């Protein structure tokens, strides 16, 4: 799923302008009273600006699939995780869809994860999927157990069930962030493959810090939260990556 990096850079630029104006205002206000504090604040702001500029350059390279050292990628990933909430809010002020910014975040997350090496057993992975992947007319609800699927082929649940049987990987339907976190806590996986929309996927990836998470966007040809679709090949690619196949 492609998105426009220019929109992300535009939001970053607005954030940088806000930082500069804020630092200038603080400088004027404090210069006559606490010059030392003003200098410290200016140094901090300059440091933040330099970090954000560094991150933006690395993000640009990653988006256009330029070669980036995994160590620089890790630094950039940590910066993005911390500034993402602010960039997301700033995007709203300049009429940039938050989903566009969320796509960039997941792109950075996935690229960073793929820059590392793992060799987990498939049994140590879990796949989290949203309930809206199941066809809404289906009477066989798979919320509690994906094996309730009878493989009619109308939706991608049957394909996911085949992946589960092929790799012996656990698949759970998460009806919300709270349940997703509970599933992870209860199962203690070594890695997670999460399928969701931009908002839920970004929220979930940011909540999980101690284990690697690869995000896969679902497509929404019928609108949000109903009969959504998924690229099964992306999910299988993630399984093979984590199991070093």
Protein backbone atom coordinates (compact mmCIF):
# COMPACT_ATOMS: atom_id res chain seq x y z
CA UNK A 1 0.00 0.00 0.00
CA UNK A 2 1.66 3.19 -1.20
CA UNK A 3 1.41 6.55 0.44
CA UNK A 4 2.90 10.00 -0.11
CA UNK A 5 6.10 10.71 1.86
CA UNK A 6 5.70 14.38 1.04
CA UNK A 7 2.71 14.61 3.37
CA UNK A 8 4.77 13.22 6.23
CA UNK A 9 7.61 15.67 5.49
CA UNK A 10 5.09 18.51 5.36
CA UNK A 11 3.82 17.61 8.84
CA UNK A 12 7.41 17.39 10.10
CA UNK A 13 8.18 20.83 8.64
CA UNK A 14 5.21 22.35 10.44
CA UNK A 15 6.38 20.75 13.68
CA UNK A 16 9.89 22.17 13.18
CA UNK A 17 8.50 25.65 12.52
CA UNK A 18 6.46 25.40 15.72
CA UNK A 19 9.59 24.39 17.62
CA UNK A 20 11.62 27.31 16.23
CA UNK A 21 8.86 29.85 16.95
CA UNK A 22 8.39 28.42 20.41
CA UNK A 23 12.11 28.60 21.15
CA UNK A 24 12.26 32.17 19.84
CA UNK A 25 9.32 33.23 22.01
CA UNK A 26 10.81 31.60 25.09
CA UNK A 27 14.16 33.19 24.33
CA UNK A 28 12.67 36.69 24.17
CA UNK A 29 10.64 36.16 27.33
CA UNK A 30 13.47 34.72 29.40
CA UNK A 31 16.51 36.54 28.03
CA UNK A 32 16.13 39.46 30.42
CA UNK A 33 15.60 37.23 33.46
CA UNK A 34 17.30 33.87 33.23
CA UNK A 35 19.85 33.90 30.43
CA UNK A 36 21.34 30.57 31.46
CA UNK A 37 18.00 28.79 31.39
CA UNK A 38 17.25 30.39 28.03
CA UNK A 39 20.56 29.06 26.65
CA UNK A 40 19.85 25.56 27.96
CA UNK A 41 16.40 25.59 26.38
CA UNK A 42 17.82 26.79 23.08
CA UNK A 43 20.44 24.04 23.11
CA UNK A 44 17.76 21.43 23.83
CA UNK A 45 15.54 22.73 21.05
CA UNK A 46 18.45 22.79 18.58
CA UNK A 47 19.29 19.22 19.59
CA UNK A 48 15.69 18.14 19.03
CA UNK A 49 15.59 19.89 15.66
CA UNK A 50 18.80 18.16 14.57
CA UNK A 51 17.44 14.78 15.66
CA UNK A 52 14.20 15.36 13.75
CA UNK A 53 16.07 16.46 10.63
CA UNK A 54 18.27 13.36 10.89
CA UNK A 55 15.16 11.19 11.30
CA UNK A 56 13.41 12.81 8.35
CA UNK A 57 16.40 12.17 6.07
CA UNK A 58 16.64 8.52 7.17
CA UNK A 59 12.88 8.12 6.78
CA UNK A 60 13.10 9.52 3.25
CA UNK A 61 15.86 7.03 2.39
CA UNK A 62 13.89 4.14 3.86
CA UNK A 63 10.72 5.09 2.03
CA UNK A 64 12.54 5.07 -1.29
CA UNK A 65 14.35 1.85 -0.34
CA UNK A 66 17.83 3.34 -0.19
CA UNK A 67 20.44 1.37 1.73
CA UNK A 68 20.49 2.41 5.39
CA UNK A 69 22.63 0.98 8.18
CA UNK A 70 20.54 -1.01 10.63
CA UNK A 71 22.08 1.00 13.47
CA UNK A 72 20.90 4.27 11.92
CA UNK A 73 17.58 2.61 11.29
CA UNK A 74 17.29 1.69 14.95
CA UNK A 75 18.07 5.26 16.05
CA UNK A 76 15.52 6.59 13.59
CA UNK A 77 12.95 4.05 14.79
CA UNK A 78 13.37 5.20 18.39
CA UNK A 79 13.03 8.85 17.35
CA UNK A 80 9.90 8.12 15.29
CA UNK A 81 8.26 6.24 18.16
CA UNK A 82 8.73 9.25 20.43
CA UNK A 83 7.74 12.05 18.06
CA UNK A 84 4.93 10.19 16.31
CA UNK A 85 2.10 11.41 18.63
CA UNK A 86 3.13 15.03 18.06
CA UNK A 87 3.56 14.64 14.29
CA UNK A 88 0.18 12.91 14.13
CA UNK A 89 -1.54 15.81 15.89
CA UNK A 90 0.30 18.42 13.82
CA UNK A 91 -0.88 16.69 10.64
CA UNK A 92 -4.46 17.42 11.66
CA UNK A 93 -3.75 21.16 11.76
CA UNK A 94 -2.51 21.17 8.15
CA UNK A 95 -5.27 18.93 6.73
CA UNK A 96 -3.10 15.85 6.30
CA UNK A 97 -4.87 12.58 6.98
CA UNK A 98 -3.58 10.88 10.13
CA UNK A 99 -3.76 7.60 8.24
CA UNK A 100 -1.07 8.89 5.87
CA UNK A 101 1.22 9.51 8.84
CA UNK A 102 0.31 6.14 10.34
CA UNK A 103 1.29 4.39 7.10
CA UNK A 104 4.73 6.00 7.32
CA UNK A 105 5.09 4.85 10.94
CA UNK A 106 4.24 1.24 10.06
CA UNK A 107 6.60 1.40 7.06
CA UNK A 108 9.42 2.51 9.40
CA UNK A 109 8.50 -0.15 11.94
CA UNK A 110 8.40 -2.97 9.39
CA UNK A 111 11.62 -1.89 7.69
CA UNK A 112 13.38 -1.82 11.05
CA UNK A 113 12.07 -5.28 12.00
CA UNK A 114 13.08 -6.70 8.60
CA UNK A 115 16.59 -5.28 9.09
CA UNK A 116 17.12 -7.69 12.00
CA UNK A 117 17.45 -11.45 12.02
CA UNK A 118 15.26 -13.89 13.92
CA UNK A 119 14.99 -17.66 14.04
CA UNK A 120 11.83 -18.45 15.98
CA UNK A 121 9.75 -21.58 15.83
CA UNK A 122 6.43 -20.99 14.10
CA UNK A 123 4.69 -22.14 17.28
CA UNK A 124 6.18 -19.12 19.06
CA UNK A 125 4.42 -16.67 16.73
CA UNK A 126 0.90 -15.37 16.92
CA UNK A 127 -1.14 -13.69 14.20
CA UNK A 128 -3.73 -11.15 15.28
CA UNK A 129 -6.54 -10.40 12.85
CA UNK A 130 -9.59 -8.10 13.11
CA UNK A 131 -13.08 -9.61 13.16
CA UNK A 132 -14.06 -7.55 10.09
CA UNK A 133 -12.08 -9.88 7.82
CA UNK A 134 -14.86 -12.43 8.23
CA UNK A 135 -17.82 -11.93 5.90
CA UNK A 136 -20.54 -10.18 7.88
CA UNK A 137 -23.23 -12.61 6.64
CA UNK A 138 -21.41 -15.67 7.94
CA UNK A 139 -23.23 -17.47 10.75
CA UNK A 140 -20.12 -19.32 11.93
CA UNK A 141 -18.46 -16.74 14.14
CA UNK A 142 -14.72 -17.25 14.49
CA UNK A 143 -14.14 -14.69 17.23
CA UNK A 144 -13.41 -17.39 19.81
CA UNK A 145 -11.89 -20.00 17.53
CA UNK A 146 -10.76 -19.60 13.91
CA UNK A 147 -11.25 -23.34 13.43
CA UNK A 148 -15.01 -22.73 13.39
CA UNK A 149 -14.46 -21.67 9.76
CA UNK A 150 -15.89 -24.20 7.25
CA UNK A 151 -13.65 -23.04 4.37
CA UNK A 152 -16.38 -21.72 2.10
CA UNK A 153 -13.85 -19.32 0.57
CA UNK A 154 -16.04 -16.22 0.65
CA UNK A 155 -13.56 -14.39 2.90
CA UNK A 156 -9.89 -14.79 3.77
CA UNK A 157 -10.51 -16.61 7.04
CA UNK A 158 -10.19 -19.93 5.21
CA UNK A 159 -6.81 -18.87 3.78
CA UNK A 160 -5.63 -17.89 7.24
CA UNK A 161 -6.81 -21.21 8.60
CA UNK A 162 -4.71 -22.95 5.97
CA UNK A 163 -1.68 -20.92 7.05
CA UNK A 164 -2.34 -21.97 10.63
CA UNK A 165 -2.37 -25.64 9.63
CA UNK A 166 0.66 -25.29 7.34
CA UNK A 167 2.90 -23.56 9.88
CA UNK A 168 1.26 -24.57 13.16
CA UNK A 169 1.04 -20.91 14.07
CA UNK A 170 -1.53 -19.48 16.46
CA UNK A 171 -4.12 -17.14 15.00
CA UNK A 172 -6.47 -15.06 17.10
CA UNK A 173 -9.30 -12.70 16.26
CA UNK A 174 -8.90 -9.50 18.28
CA UNK A 175 -12.04 -7.40 18.58
CA UNK A 176 -10.13 -4.50 20.10
CA UNK A 177 -6.87 -3.27 21.58
CA UNK A 178 -7.65 -4.50 25.08
CA UNK A 179 -8.29 -8.06 23.89
CA UNK A 180 -5.20 -7.96 21.67
CA UNK A 181 -3.02 -7.02 24.64
CA UNK A 182 -4.61 -9.80 26.74
CA UNK A 183 -3.95 -12.37 24.00
CA UNK A 184 -0.29 -11.34 23.89
CA UNK A 185 0.08 -11.43 27.68
CA UNK A 186 -1.61 -14.84 27.94
CA UNK A 187 0.33 -16.48 25.08
CA UNK A 188 3.74 -14.82 25.56
CA UNK A 189 4.77 -15.00 21.88
CA UNK A 190 8.27 -14.21 20.68
CA UNK A 191 6.89 -12.20 17.76
CA UNK A 192 3.56 -10.92 16.50
CA UNK A 193 2.12 -10.46 13.03
CA UNK A 194 -0.71 -7.97 13.34
CA UNK A 195 -3.37 -7.31 10.71
CA UNK A 196 -5.50 -4.19 11.08
CA UNK A 197 -6.40 -0.77 9.74
CA UNK A 198 -3.95 2.14 10.03
CA UNK A 199 -5.28 3.42 13.35
CA UNK A 200 -5.52 0.09 15.18
CA UNK A 201 -2.26 -1.20 13.74
CA UNK A 202 -0.30 1.88 14.76
CA UNK A 203 -1.81 1.86 18.24
CA UNK A 204 -0.99 -1.82 18.68
CA UNK A 205 2.59 -1.56 17.43
CA UNK A 206 3.26 1.39 19.74
CA UNK A 207 1.79 -0.49 22.72
CA UNK A 208 4.03 -3.53 22.23
CA UNK A 209 7.65 -2.71 23.01
CA UNK A 210 9.42 -5.86 24.13
CA UNK A 211 8.75 -8.14 21.17
CA UNK A 212 8.97 -7.53 17.39
CA UNK A 213 5.71 -6.79 15.61
CA UNK A 214 5.21 -6.78 11.84
CA UNK A 215 2.17 -4.87 10.68
CA UNK A 216 -0.01 -5.83 7.72
CA UNK A 217 -2.71 -3.42 6.56
CA UNK A 218 -6.11 -4.75 5.66
CA UNK A 219 -7.86 -3.25 2.66
CA UNK A 220 -11.39 -1.86 2.98
CA UNK A 221 -13.22 -2.10 -0.35
CA UNK A 222 -16.58 -1.92 1.44
CA UNK A 223 -15.67 0.78 3.91
CA UNK A 224 -14.25 0.50 7.44
CA UNK A 225 -14.96 -2.47 9.68
CA UNK A 226 -16.98 -4.56 7.24
CA UNK A 227 -15.85 -7.33 4.89
CA UNK A 228 -12.25 -6.16 4.80
CA UNK A 229 -9.56 -7.97 2.84
CA UNK A 230 -5.97 -9.02 3.40
CA UNK A 231 -2.95 -9.98 1.31
CA UNK A 232 -2.24 -13.53 2.50
CA UNK A 233 1.18 -13.43 0.84
CA UNK A 234 2.24 -10.59 3.16
CA UNK A 235 1.27 -12.64 6.21
CA UNK A 236 3.12 -15.72 4.92
CA UNK A 237 6.16 -13.59 4.10
CA UNK A 238 6.19 -12.37 7.72
CA UNK A 239 5.95 -15.95 9.04
CA UNK A 240 8.84 -17.08 6.85
CA UNK A 241 10.92 -14.09 7.93
CA UNK A 242 10.49 -14.70 11.65
CA UNK A 243 11.19 -18.44 11.20
CA UNK A 244 14.20 -17.77 8.96
CA UNK A 245 12.81 -19.71 5.97
